[in-house]
Amino acid sequence: MAGPTETGTGASGDWTETAGAARDALPGPRTYARRWVFLLVISLLSCSNAMLWLSFAPVADTITQHFFLSMDQVNWLSLIYLLVSIPFGMAAIWVLDSVGLRGATILGAWLNLAGSMLRALPSMAVGIPNPFFFFMSGQSLCALAQTLVVFSPAKLAALWFPEQQRATANMIGTMSNPLGILVANVLSPALVKKAEDIPIMLGVYIAPAALACLLATACLWENVPPVPPSVGAASSTSEDFSHGLKLLIKNKAYVILAVCFGGGIGAFTSFSALLEQILCASGYSNEFSGLCGALFIVFGILGALILGLYVDRTKHFTEATKIGLSLTSMTFVAFALVSQLQGQTLALAAICSLLGLFGFSVAPVAMELAVECSFPVGEGSSAGLIFILGQAEGVLIMLLLMALTVKRTGSSFSTCGHGEDPLDWTVSLLVLASLCALFTCVMVLFFHTPYRRLEAESLGHPVPRTCAVEPEIMSPTPKSLLQSPGLPLPAGPLQEVPGPVSAPQEPPEHAENVTRAV
């Protein structure tokens, strides 16, 4: 490190030049290639977790016959994810914002691996009396891991990626979860042709969980990079957990976004869970329902990629979210009408594709918008609360839709399983479309917010975490920038220098300290 630098007092510009040299020596924003490794780990972990979530559902009949379980027990292996995420989601937010991103990711990876191995025991060991206990215990551990995984992409994007890559990074991490759902729907039926194939299926699902755990443990070395990529990253989680939650509750824009977008998450959860039951009641096969679900996810990932790249360039978070929700609501209305007609395979396939294209693509952008309108509250809190609220709203919406169904009267074209009475989903689907339209109208009319993180980043370069710099040395910022909406004025007097600066009689005491630190 350099020793103290002598500063003259006779010339008028000596002190100004010294301060400028110290300021220029400070490293600016910097990115690290290992940020992509971190993103790979989180994406693989999220994909594996989603695969474990729905691995039983596509082969439920074979599971029930082989292990002598009821269909309700098999359904609980998927529902446990929703139930666990609501009470334990708050604990996961605290871990993410307090312990750090690395610790939360490693903990989630080990929980995910332990759960995948525990649920495989009944098919690998002989004489286990109650296989359902091991299945449920393993799924519960995986559900705990999910709460740590799904909140991570927004925080990773904020801490490790520059502002022109944040939405893209968030999109990759977020969309890896529906990609895992798609893989599970294709892989489970392909692996399980008969009951004896179940151990192979359960063993295959351990492999990605083990790989994600290995990468997380061996390749993640730090929570944050040594030098932040932006001012927003340097100020991330500057509010403690409890105070951050209070700020979110008092933030009108955030509350509107959480309720409306959380309702959208709930609507999509209900749609995904009930799609097969809705379509079979109108005479469509299970294979066609699976195709519609696959188109829903594939086009959703494609739309998220396109919209993420666009938002990274333009920063039009609010406009993209409002337009996406509006198009999604109109598509839901079309689905509510067309799904009750027979022989509309092409129209239904197109509608499900558009639902994914418009609806899924909004998810990562809305998460970024949540961080923008709540900055400097931690990204885990702002994104996590929306997810928890979305899960709760999803359970309520699903129960409401199922309660509104009635037995279909008149001629029936139902292809549903034997012993099931055909149901009329007309009222339920119209209610679902109405809820989506209501959430969209509230969002479009009442949601307005400044981009607080972008405004903070426009004030100057980030300060490295390893440099001790006196605040007075930093270059003066015009009052017009400092008085941006939603940003407090910095502490200390603002000094405007209209003309040449005369040298002080004695150089300030902190000048030598700053020069030595640099």
Protein backbone atom coordinates (compact mmCIF):
# COMPACT_ATOMS: atom_id res chain seq x y z
CA MET A 1 0.00 0.00 0.00
CA ALA A 2 1.20 3.49 -0.72
CA GLY A 3 2.44 5.63 2.08
CA PRO A 4 1.14 9.10 2.90
CA THR A 5 1.31 11.60 0.06
CA GLU A 6 2.38 15.17 0.79
CA THR A 7 -0.10 17.81 -0.23
CA GLY A 8 0.92 21.36 -0.79
CA THR A 9 -0.89 24.31 0.66
CA GLY A 10 0.44 27.09 -1.48
CA ALA A 11 -1.19 26.38 -4.83
CA SER A 12 -4.92 26.71 -5.18
CA GLY A 13 -5.43 23.44 -7.05
CA ASP A 14 -3.19 21.07 -5.04
CA TRP A 15 -5.87 19.79 -2.67
CA THR A 16 -8.45 19.46 -5.43
CA GLU A 17 -6.02 17.45 -7.57
CA THR A 18 -5.17 15.15 -4.64
CA ALA A 19 -8.84 14.44 -3.93
CA GLY A 20 -9.46 13.83 -7.61
CA ALA A 21 -6.56 11.37 -7.79
CA ALA A 22 -7.86 9.50 -4.76
CA ARG A 23 -11.30 9.38 -6.28
CA ASP A 24 -10.00 8.11 -9.63
CA ALA A 25 -8.02 5.36 -7.90
CA LEU A 26 -11.17 3.78 -6.47
CA PRO A 27 -12.23 0.71 -8.50
CA GLY A 28 -15.59 1.07 -10.21
CA PRO A 29 -18.24 -1.59 -10.82
CA ARG A 30 -16.78 -4.98 -11.66
CA THR A 31 -18.23 -8.32 -12.76
CA TYR A 32 -16.78 -11.77 -12.20
CA ALA A 33 -17.03 -14.80 -14.49
CA ARG A 34 -17.93 -17.01 -11.54
CA ARG A 35 -21.32 -15.32 -11.38
CA TRP A 36 -22.37 -17.70 -14.18
CA VAL A 37 -21.30 -20.67 -12.05
CA PHE A 38 -23.52 -19.38 -9.24
CA LEU A 39 -26.40 -18.99 -11.69
CA LEU A 40 -25.80 -22.52 -13.04
CA VAL A 41 -25.94 -23.99 -9.52
CA ILE A 42 -29.17 -22.20 -8.60
CA SER A 43 -30.79 -23.07 -11.95
CA LEU A 44 -29.85 -26.75 -11.68
CA LEU A 45 -31.04 -26.87 -8.07
CA SER A 46 -34.37 -25.24 -8.95
CA CYS A 47 -34.87 -27.58 -11.92
CA SER A 48 -34.08 -30.65 -9.79
CA ASN A 49 -36.42 -29.50 -7.03
CA ALA A 50 -39.30 -29.05 -9.48
CA MET A 51 -38.62 -32.51 -10.96
CA LEU A 52 -38.87 -34.05 -7.49
CA TRP A 53 -42.09 -32.14 -6.83
CA LEU A 54 -44.09 -33.69 -9.69
CA SER A 55 -42.23 -36.95 -10.24
CA PHE A 56 -45.04 -39.04 -8.72
CA ALA A 57 -48.01 -37.35 -10.39
CA PRO A 58 -47.56 -38.61 -14.00
CA VAL A 59 -47.35 -42.25 -12.80
CA ALA A 60 -49.79 -42.02 -9.90
CA ASP A 61 -51.72 -45.18 -10.91
CA THR A 62 -48.60 -47.34 -10.90
CA ILE A 63 -47.43 -45.88 -7.57
CA THR A 64 -50.77 -46.61 -5.89
CA GLN A 65 -50.85 -50.21 -7.12
CA HIS A 66 -47.23 -51.05 -6.29
CA PHE A 67 -47.14 -49.55 -2.79
CA PHE A 68 -50.84 -50.08 -1.92
CA LEU A 69 -51.54 -46.37 -1.50
CA SER A 70 -54.67 -44.37 -2.18
CA MET A 71 -54.88 -41.67 -4.84
CA ASP A 72 -55.35 -39.08 -2.11
CA GLN A 73 -52.04 -40.11 -0.55
CA VAL A 74 -50.26 -39.71 -3.88
CA ASN A 75 -51.85 -36.28 -4.34
CA TRP A 76 -50.56 -35.24 -0.93
CA LEU A 77 -47.00 -35.87 -2.15
CA SER A 78 -47.47 -32.86 -4.44
CA LEU A 79 -49.69 -30.74 -2.19
CA ILE A 80 -47.12 -30.80 0.61
CA TYR A 81 -45.02 -28.34 -1.40
CA LEU A 82 -47.77 -25.73 -1.25
CA LEU A 83 -48.48 -26.25 2.43
CA VAL A 84 -44.84 -26.14 3.54
CA SER A 85 -44.00 -23.02 1.52
CA ILE A 86 -46.51 -20.83 3.37
CA PRO A 87 -45.37 -21.22 7.03
CA PHE A 88 -41.70 -21.91 6.32
CA GLY A 89 -41.35 -19.29 3.62
CA MET A 90 -40.75 -16.53 6.18
CA ALA A 91 -37.92 -18.52 7.75
CA ALA A 92 -36.40 -19.00 4.30
CA ILE A 93 -36.53 -15.24 3.68
CA TRP A 94 -34.67 -14.63 6.94
CA VAL A 95 -32.02 -17.19 6.02
CA LEU A 96 -31.57 -15.66 2.58
CA ASP A 97 -31.25 -12.06 3.79
CA SER A 98 -29.43 -12.73 7.07
CA VAL A 99 -27.24 -15.80 6.53
CA GLY A 100 -26.53 -15.00 2.90
CA LEU A 101 -27.06 -16.36 -0.58
CA ARG A 102 -24.24 -18.95 -0.44
CA GLY A 103 -25.39 -20.46 2.88
CA ALA A 104 -29.03 -20.58 1.75
CA THR A 105 -28.10 -22.25 -1.54
CA ILE A 106 -25.90 -24.90 0.10
CA LEU A 107 -28.55 -25.63 2.75
CA GLY A 108 -31.22 -25.94 0.06
CA ALA A 109 -29.00 -28.24 -2.00
CA TRP A 110 -28.39 -30.62 0.93
CA LEU A 111 -32.08 -30.66 1.90
CA ASN A 112 -32.96 -31.40 -1.72
CA LEU A 113 -30.46 -34.27 -1.91
CA ALA A 114 -31.52 -35.73 1.46
CA GLY A 115 -35.17 -35.64 0.43
CA SER A 116 -34.50 -37.33 -2.91
CA MET A 117 -32.58 -40.13 -1.20
CA LEU A 118 -35.08 -40.61 1.65
CA ARG A 119 -38.04 -41.09 -0.68
CA ALA A 120 -36.09 -43.72 -2.65
CA LEU A 121 -35.60 -45.99 0.38
CA PRO A 122 -38.93 -47.89 0.16
CA SER A 123 -38.08 -49.13 -3.33
CA MET A 124 -34.47 -50.04 -2.54
CA ALA A 125 -34.77 -51.62 0.91
CA VAL A 126 -36.74 -54.74 1.74
CA GLY A 127 -39.30 -55.00 4.50
CA ILE A 128 -40.16 -51.30 5.02
CA PRO A 129 -43.66 -51.40 6.56
CA ASN A 130 -44.83 -47.87 5.72
CA PRO A 131 -43.46 -46.55 2.43
CA PHE A 132 -45.78 -43.52 2.49
CA PHE A 133 -43.95 -42.19 5.55
CA PHE A 134 -40.64 -42.15 3.68
CA PHE A 135 -42.25 -40.66 0.58
CA MET A 136 -43.87 -37.86 2.58
CA SER A 137 -40.74 -37.22 4.67
CA GLY A 138 -38.59 -36.97 1.56
CA GLN A 139 -41.07 -34.68 -0.19
CA SER A 140 -41.25 -32.50 2.93
CA LEU A 141 -37.47 -32.02 2.92
CA CYS A 142 -37.60 -31.15 -0.76
CA ALA A 143 -40.43 -28.70 -0.03
CA LEU A 144 -38.25 -27.01 2.60
CA ALA A 145 -35.49 -26.76 -0.01
CA GLN A 146 -37.93 -25.16 -2.44
CA THR A 147 -38.51 -22.19 -0.15
CA LEU A 148 -34.76 -21.49 -0.22
CA VAL A 149 -34.45 -22.03 -3.96
CA VAL A 150 -37.30 -20.08 -5.53
CA PHE A 151 -36.44 -16.83 -3.72
CA SER A 152 -32.79 -16.88 -4.83
CA PRO A 153 -32.78 -15.73 -8.51
CA ALA A 154 -33.74 -12.10 -7.74
CA LYS A 155 -31.09 -11.85 -5.02
CA LEU A 156 -28.41 -13.49 -7.17
CA ALA A 157 -29.17 -11.13 -10.05
CA ALA A 158 -28.95 -8.11 -7.74
CA LEU A 159 -25.71 -9.11 -6.00
CA TRP A 160 -23.65 -10.57 -8.84
CA PHE A 161 -24.90 -9.17 -12.16
CA PRO A 162 -24.66 -5.65 -13.65
CA GLU A 163 -27.88 -3.80 -14.30
CA GLN A 164 -27.93 -4.67 -18.03
CA GLN A 165 -27.94 -8.41 -17.19
CA ARG A 166 -30.13 -8.56 -14.08
CA ALA A 167 -33.47 -9.34 -15.76
CA THR A 168 -31.86 -12.00 -17.96
CA ALA A 169 -30.17 -13.68 -14.98
CA ASN A 170 -33.42 -13.58 -13.01
CA MET A 171 -35.25 -15.06 -15.99
CA ILE A 172 -32.80 -17.98 -16.30
CA GLY A 173 -33.00 -18.80 -12.60
CA THR A 174 -36.78 -18.45 -12.44
CA MET A 175 -37.62 -20.37 -15.62
CA SER A 176 -35.49 -23.35 -14.60
CA ASN A 177 -38.32 -24.29 -12.20
CA PRO A 178 -41.05 -24.76 -14.86
CA LEU A 179 -38.43 -26.49 -16.99
CA GLY A 180 -38.10 -29.08 -14.21
CA ILE A 181 -41.87 -29.53 -14.21
CA LEU A 182 -41.78 -30.19 -17.94
CA VAL A 183 -38.94 -32.71 -17.56
CA ALA A 184 -40.80 -34.58 -14.81
CA ASN A 185 -43.96 -34.85 -16.91
CA VAL A 186 -41.95 -36.35 -19.77
CA LEU A 187 -39.38 -38.40 -17.83
CA SER A 188 -41.57 -40.22 -15.30
CA PRO A 189 -43.89 -41.88 -17.87
CA ALA A 190 -40.87 -42.69 -20.05
CA LEU A 191 -39.07 -44.47 -17.20
CA VAL A 192 -42.02 -46.28 -15.58
CA LYS A 193 -43.63 -48.79 -17.91
CA LYS A 194 -44.38 -51.27 -15.12
CA ALA A 195 -44.18 -51.37 -11.32
CA GLU A 196 -40.68 -52.84 -11.34
CA ASP A 197 -39.36 -49.67 -13.00
CA ILE A 198 -40.20 -47.42 -10.03
CA PRO A 199 -36.79 -47.90 -8.30
CA ILE A 200 -35.07 -46.82 -11.52
CA MET A 201 -37.19 -43.66 -11.68
CA LEU A 202 -36.49 -42.72 -8.07
CA GLY A 203 -32.77 -43.36 -8.56
CA VAL A 204 -32.60 -41.24 -11.72
CA TYR A 205 -34.08 -38.26 -9.88
CA ILE A 206 -31.29 -38.46 -7.29
CA ALA A 207 -28.63 -37.72 -9.93
CA PRO A 208 -29.43 -34.03 -10.66
CA ALA A 209 -29.98 -33.39 -6.94
CA ALA A 210 -26.55 -34.87 -6.16
CA LEU A 211 -24.88 -32.86 -8.93
CA ALA A 212 -26.46 -29.61 -7.71
CA CYS A 213 -25.37 -30.39 -4.14
CA LEU A 214 -21.79 -31.14 -5.25
CA LEU A 215 -21.51 -27.94 -7.28
CA ALA A 216 -23.05 -25.81 -4.51
CA THR A 217 -20.69 -27.19 -1.87
CA ALA A 218 -17.50 -27.15 -3.95
CA CYS A 219 -17.90 -24.15 -6.26
CA LEU A 220 -19.67 -21.46 -4.20
CA TRP A 221 -17.06 -19.62 -2.14
CA GLU A 222 -18.67 -16.33 -1.13
CA ASN A 223 -22.01 -14.61 -0.66
CA VAL A 224 -21.10 -11.47 -2.58
CA PRO A 225 -18.34 -10.52 -5.02
CA PRO A 226 -15.34 -8.56 -3.64
CA VAL A 227 -16.31 -5.50 -5.70
CA PRO A 228 -20.05 -5.04 -6.37
CA PRO A 229 -21.26 -4.81 -9.98
CA SER A 230 -23.51 -1.82 -9.24
CA VAL A 231 -24.54 0.68 -6.58
CA GLY A 232 -27.65 -1.41 -5.98
CA ALA A 233 -25.51 -4.44 -5.18
CA ALA A 234 -23.40 -2.41 -2.74
CA SER A 235 -26.57 -1.33 -0.92
CA SER A 236 -28.33 -4.71 -1.03
CA THR A 237 -30.01 -5.79 2.22
CA SER A 238 -29.12 -2.55 3.91
CA GLU A 239 -32.28 -2.92 5.99
CA ASP A 240 -32.47 -5.63 8.65
CA PHE A 241 -35.07 -8.36 8.28
CA SER A 242 -37.80 -7.13 10.63
CA HIS A 243 -37.49 -3.50 9.61
CA GLY A 244 -37.50 -4.52 5.95
CA LEU A 245 -40.80 -6.34 6.39
CA LYS A 246 -42.32 -3.25 8.00
CA LEU A 247 -41.16 -1.12 5.07
CA LEU A 248 -42.73 -3.56 2.61
CA ILE A 249 -46.07 -3.51 4.40
CA LYS A 250 -46.08 0.31 4.39
CA ASN A 251 -45.08 0.48 0.71
CA LYS A 252 -48.34 0.97 -1.20
CA ALA A 253 -46.86 0.12 -4.60
CA TYR A 254 -45.32 -3.08 -3.30
CA VAL A 255 -48.56 -4.19 -1.61
CA ILE A 256 -50.50 -3.70 -4.86
CA LEU A 257 -47.86 -5.64 -6.82
CA ALA A 258 -47.75 -8.44 -4.25
CA VAL A 259 -51.52 -8.92 -4.16
CA CYS A 260 -52.06 -8.67 -7.93
CA PHE A 261 -49.05 -10.64 -9.12
CA GLY A 262 -49.50 -13.10 -6.24
CA GLY A 263 -53.04 -13.62 -7.51
CA GLY A 264 -51.57 -14.30 -10.95
CA ILE A 265 -49.28 -16.95 -9.45
CA GLY A 266 -52.29 -18.50 -7.73
CA ALA A 267 -54.28 -18.53 -10.96
CA PHE A 268 -51.45 -20.25 -12.84
CA THR A 269 -51.02 -22.80 -10.04
CA SER A 270 -54.72 -23.63 -10.19
CA PHE A 271 -54.67 -23.79 -13.98
CA SER A 272 -51.72 -26.21 -13.99
CA ALA A 273 -53.23 -28.47 -11.34
CA LEU A 274 -56.75 -28.61 -12.79
CA LEU A 275 -56.00 -28.55 -16.54
CA GLU A 276 -56.45 -32.31 -17.05
CA GLN A 277 -59.72 -32.42 -15.09
CA ILE A 278 -61.10 -29.43 -17.04
CA LEU A 279 -60.26 -30.80 -20.47
CA CYS A 280 -61.31 -34.42 -19.86
CA ALA A 281 -64.78 -33.21 -18.83
CA SER A 282 -65.17 -31.78 -22.35
CA GLY A 283 -64.00 -34.95 -24.12
CA TYR A 284 -60.28 -34.33 -24.57
CA SER A 285 -57.76 -37.10 -23.92
CA ASN A 286 -55.11 -37.15 -21.22
CA GLU A 287 -52.44 -37.10 -23.93
CA PHE A 288 -53.84 -33.87 -25.32
CA SER A 289 -53.96 -32.37 -21.81
CA GLY A 290 -50.29 -33.27 -21.39
CA LEU A 291 -49.50 -31.63 -24.74
CA CYS A 292 -51.28 -28.44 -23.67
CA GLY A 293 -49.32 -28.41 -20.41
CA ALA A 294 -46.06 -28.86 -22.29
CA LEU A 295 -46.90 -26.03 -24.74
CA PHE A 296 -47.82 -23.87 -21.75
CA ILE A 297 -44.33 -24.28 -20.25
CA VAL A 298 -42.27 -24.24 -23.46
CA PHE A 299 -43.79 -21.02 -24.75
CA GLY A 300 -43.55 -19.55 -21.26
CA ILE A 301 -39.79 -20.11 -21.19
CA LEU A 302 -39.48 -18.66 -24.71
CA GLY A 303 -41.51 -15.59 -23.77
CA ALA A 304 -39.49 -15.07 -20.59
CA LEU A 305 -36.25 -15.16 -22.59
CA ILE A 306 -37.48 -12.57 -25.09
CA LEU A 307 -39.01 -10.26 -22.49
CA GLY A 308 -36.00 -10.57 -20.16
CA LEU A 309 -33.62 -9.43 -22.89
CA TYR A 310 -35.96 -6.57 -23.83
CA VAL A 311 -36.35 -5.31 -20.27
CA ASP A 312 -32.60 -5.50 -19.66
CA ARG A 313 -32.13 -3.03 -22.51
CA THR A 314 -35.08 -0.70 -21.94
CA LYS A 315 -35.79 -0.93 -18.16
CA HIS A 316 -39.55 -0.81 -18.90
CA PHE A 317 -40.46 -3.02 -15.94
CA THR A 318 -43.86 -1.49 -15.21
CA GLU A 319 -45.01 -1.32 -18.82
CA ALA A 320 -43.96 -4.90 -19.56
CA THR A 321 -45.71 -6.21 -16.44
CA LYS A 322 -48.97 -4.36 -17.08
CA ILE A 323 -49.14 -5.32 -20.77
CA GLY A 324 -48.26 -8.95 -19.99
CA LEU A 325 -50.96 -9.23 -17.33
CA SER A 326 -53.54 -7.63 -19.63
CA LEU A 327 -52.81 -10.07 -22.46
CA THR A 328 -52.88 -12.96 -19.98
CA SER A 329 -56.32 -11.96 -18.69
CA MET A 330 -57.76 -11.83 -22.21
CA THR A 331 -56.28 -15.25 -22.96
CA PHE A 332 -57.82 -16.67 -19.78
CA VAL A 333 -61.24 -15.44 -20.95
CA ALA A 334 -60.71 -17.21 -24.28
CA PHE A 335 -59.72 -20.43 -22.49
CA ALA A 336 -62.80 -20.27 -20.22
CA LEU A 337 -65.05 -20.17 -23.30
CA VAL A 338 -63.28 -22.49 -25.74
CA SER A 339 -62.44 -25.23 -23.20
CA GLN A 340 -66.15 -25.98 -22.77
CA LEU A 341 -66.55 -26.83 -26.46
CA GLN A 342 -65.76 -30.15 -28.14
CA GLY A 343 -63.35 -30.64 -31.02
CA GLN A 344 -61.33 -27.43 -30.55
CA THR A 345 -57.90 -29.02 -30.25
CA LEU A 346 -56.03 -26.48 -32.40
CA ALA A 347 -57.67 -23.51 -30.70
CA LEU A 348 -56.97 -24.89 -27.22
CA ALA A 349 -53.36 -25.69 -28.08
CA ALA A 350 -52.88 -22.12 -29.35
CA ILE A 351 -54.57 -20.63 -26.27
CA CYS A 352 -52.40 -22.65 -23.86
CA SER A 353 -49.31 -21.57 -25.79
CA LEU A 354 -50.35 -17.91 -25.52
CA LEU A 355 -51.09 -18.31 -21.80
CA GLY A 356 -47.52 -19.45 -21.26
CA LEU A 357 -46.07 -16.85 -23.60
CA PHE A 358 -47.82 -13.93 -21.88
CA GLY A 359 -48.12 -15.19 -18.30
CA PHE A 360 -44.86 -16.98 -17.60
CA SER A 361 -42.80 -14.26 -19.25
CA VAL A 362 -44.05 -11.69 -16.72
CA ALA A 363 -42.77 -13.64 -13.69
CA PRO A 364 -39.06 -12.67 -13.70
CA VAL A 365 -39.86 -9.10 -14.75
CA ALA A 366 -42.36 -8.72 -11.91
CA MET A 367 -39.77 -10.02 -9.44
CA GLU A 368 -37.31 -7.40 -10.67
CA LEU A 369 -40.04 -4.77 -10.37
CA ALA A 370 -40.65 -5.84 -6.77
CA VAL A 371 -36.98 -5.19 -5.99
CA GLU A 372 -37.05 -1.83 -7.78
CA CYS A 373 -40.08 -0.51 -5.90
CA SER A 374 -38.91 -1.74 -2.47
CA PHE A 375 -35.16 -0.93 -2.58
CA PRO A 376 -33.13 -1.01 -0.30
CA VAL A 377 -35.12 -3.84 1.34
CA GLY A 378 -33.44 -7.21 0.77
CA GLU A 379 -34.25 -9.03 -2.46
CA GLY A 380 -35.10 -12.20 -0.56
CA SER A 381 -37.82 -10.39 1.35
CA SER A 382 -39.32 -8.53 -1.61
CA ALA A 383 -39.41 -11.56 -3.93
CA GLY A 384 -40.14 -14.13 -1.22
CA LEU A 385 -43.23 -12.45 0.19
CA ILE A 386 -44.80 -12.34 -3.28
CA PHE A 387 -44.18 -16.06 -3.75
CA ILE A 388 -45.63 -16.92 -0.32
CA LEU A 389 -48.69 -14.80 -0.98
CA GLY A 390 -49.05 -16.40 -4.42
CA GLN A 391 -48.99 -19.89 -2.91
CA ALA A 392 -51.63 -18.93 -0.34
CA GLU A 393 -53.83 -17.34 -3.01
CA GLY A 394 -53.32 -20.43 -5.18
CA VAL A 395 -54.70 -22.72 -2.47
CA LEU A 396 -57.71 -20.44 -1.94
CA ILE A 397 -58.42 -20.11 -5.67
CA MET A 398 -58.14 -23.87 -6.20
CA LEU A 399 -60.56 -24.61 -3.37
CA LEU A 400 -62.97 -21.98 -4.71
CA LEU A 401 -62.91 -23.39 -8.25
CA MET A 402 -63.48 -26.94 -7.04
CA ALA A 403 -66.35 -25.81 -4.82
CA LEU A 404 -68.07 -24.10 -7.75
CA THR A 405 -68.12 -27.19 -9.96
CA VAL A 406 -71.40 -29.07 -10.43
CA LYS A 407 -72.29 -32.35 -12.10
CA ARG A 408 -72.75 -31.98 -15.84
CA THR A 409 -76.34 -32.46 -17.00
CA GLY A 410 -77.43 -33.74 -20.39
CA SER A 411 -75.21 -35.59 -22.85
CA SER A 412 -71.62 -36.03 -21.76
CA PHE A 413 -68.43 -36.46 -23.81
CA SER A 414 -66.28 -36.97 -20.72
CA THR A 415 -63.07 -38.98 -21.04
CA CYS A 416 -62.28 -38.77 -17.32
CA GLY A 417 -61.31 -41.90 -15.37
CA HIS A 418 -63.82 -44.58 -14.54
CA GLY A 419 -66.00 -43.96 -11.53
CA GLU A 420 -65.74 -40.16 -11.82
CA ASP A 421 -68.85 -38.15 -12.53
CA PRO A 422 -68.38 -35.58 -15.31
CA LEU A 423 -68.23 -32.05 -13.91
CA ASP A 424 -69.26 -28.73 -15.36
CA TRP A 425 -66.39 -26.25 -15.03
CA THR A 426 -68.10 -23.34 -16.79
CA VAL A 427 -68.78 -21.22 -13.70
CA SER A 428 -65.39 -22.02 -12.17
CA LEU A 429 -63.51 -20.96 -15.31
CA LEU A 430 -65.50 -17.75 -15.65
CA VAL A 431 -64.69 -16.94 -12.02
CA LEU A 432 -61.00 -17.64 -12.70
CA ALA A 433 -61.03 -15.34 -15.73
CA SER A 434 -62.85 -12.66 -13.70
CA LEU A 435 -60.26 -12.85 -10.91
CA CYS A 436 -57.44 -12.44 -13.42
CA ALA A 437 -59.19 -9.45 -14.97
CA LEU A 438 -59.72 -7.92 -11.51
CA PHE A 439 -56.06 -8.32 -10.54
CA THR A 440 -55.00 -6.83 -13.87
CA CYS A 441 -57.30 -3.80 -13.59
CA VAL A 442 -56.06 -3.00 -10.09
CA MET A 443 -52.47 -3.34 -11.26
CA VAL A 444 -52.92 -1.17 -14.35
CA LEU A 445 -54.91 1.59 -12.63
CA PHE A 446 -53.27 1.88 -9.22
CA PHE A 447 -49.68 0.66 -9.49
CA HIS A 448 -47.18 3.50 -9.88
CA THR A 449 -43.65 3.54 -8.53
CA PRO A 450 -40.23 5.08 -9.11
CA TYR A 451 -37.39 2.68 -9.83
CA ARG A 452 -35.57 3.24 -6.55
CA ARG A 453 -32.63 0.96 -7.25
CA LEU A 454 -31.97 2.46 -10.68
CA GLU A 455 -32.21 5.95 -9.21
CA ALA A 456 -29.68 5.05 -6.55
CA GLU A 457 -27.34 3.67 -9.18
CA SER A 458 -27.62 6.86 -11.23
CA LEU A 459 -26.01 8.83 -8.39
CA GLY A 460 -22.51 7.46 -8.92
CA HIS A 461 -20.14 4.51 -8.81
CA PRO A 462 -20.37 1.92 -6.05
CA VAL A 463 -17.90 2.00 -3.17
CA PRO A 464 -15.88 -1.24 -2.80
CA ARG A 465 -16.62 -3.12 0.39
CA THR A 466 -12.89 -3.27 1.18
CA CYS A 467 -12.14 0.46 0.86
CA ALA A 468 -12.59 2.89 3.75
CA VAL A 469 -13.42 6.24 2.19
CA GLU A 470 -14.44 9.42 3.94
CA PRO A 471 -17.76 10.57 2.51
CA GLU A 472 -16.61 14.17 2.11
CA ILE A 473 -14.05 13.18 -0.52
CA MET A 474 -16.65 11.81 -2.92
CA SER A 475 -17.42 14.11 -5.82
CA PRO A 476 -20.32 16.51 -5.29
CA THR A 477 -23.60 15.49 -6.88
CA PRO A 478 -26.08 18.01 -8.29
CA LYS A 479 -29.11 18.56 -6.12
CA SER A 480 -31.37 17.77 -9.07
CA LEU A 481 -30.13 14.18 -9.04
CA LEU A 482 -30.17 13.82 -5.30
CA GLN A 483 -33.77 14.95 -5.12
CA SER A 484 -35.07 12.09 -7.29
CA PRO A 485 -38.38 10.63 -6.09
CA GLY A 486 -38.04 8.04 -3.38
CA LEU A 487 -34.38 8.74 -2.58
CA PRO A 488 -33.32 10.49 0.62
CA LEU A 489 -30.72 13.22 0.53
CA PRO A 490 -27.31 12.07 1.76
CA ALA A 491 -26.15 13.12 5.19
CA GLY A 492 -23.87 16.11 5.40
CA PRO A 493 -23.90 19.54 3.77
CA LEU A 494 -23.90 19.92 -0.01
CA GLN A 495 -21.18 22.25 -1.24
CA GLU A 496 -21.59 23.84 -4.66
CA VAL A 497 -18.45 25.39 -6.10
CA PRO A 498 -19.36 28.07 -8.65
CA GLY A 499 -15.79 29.06 -9.50
CA PRO A 500 -12.16 28.24 -8.79
CA VAL A 501 -11.49 26.70 -5.44
CA SER A 502 -9.04 28.51 -3.22
CA ALA A 503 -6.60 26.37 -1.31
CA PRO A 504 -7.34 25.94 2.39
CA GLN A 505 -4.79 27.14 4.86
CA GLU A 506 -4.26 23.59 6.17
CA PRO A 507 -5.14 20.45 4.21
CA PRO A 508 -8.01 18.56 5.82
CA GLU A 509 -6.92 15.84 8.18
CA HIS A 510 -8.82 13.10 6.38
CA ALA A 511 -7.04 13.74 3.07
CA GLU A 512 -3.94 11.93 4.24
CA ASN A 513 -6.02 9.00 5.51
CA VAL A 514 -7.87 8.63 2.23
CA THR A 515 -4.70 8.82 0.18
CA ARG A 516 -3.08 6.19 2.38
CA ALA A 517 -6.12 3.87 2.06
CA VAL A 518 -6.12 4.20 -1.72
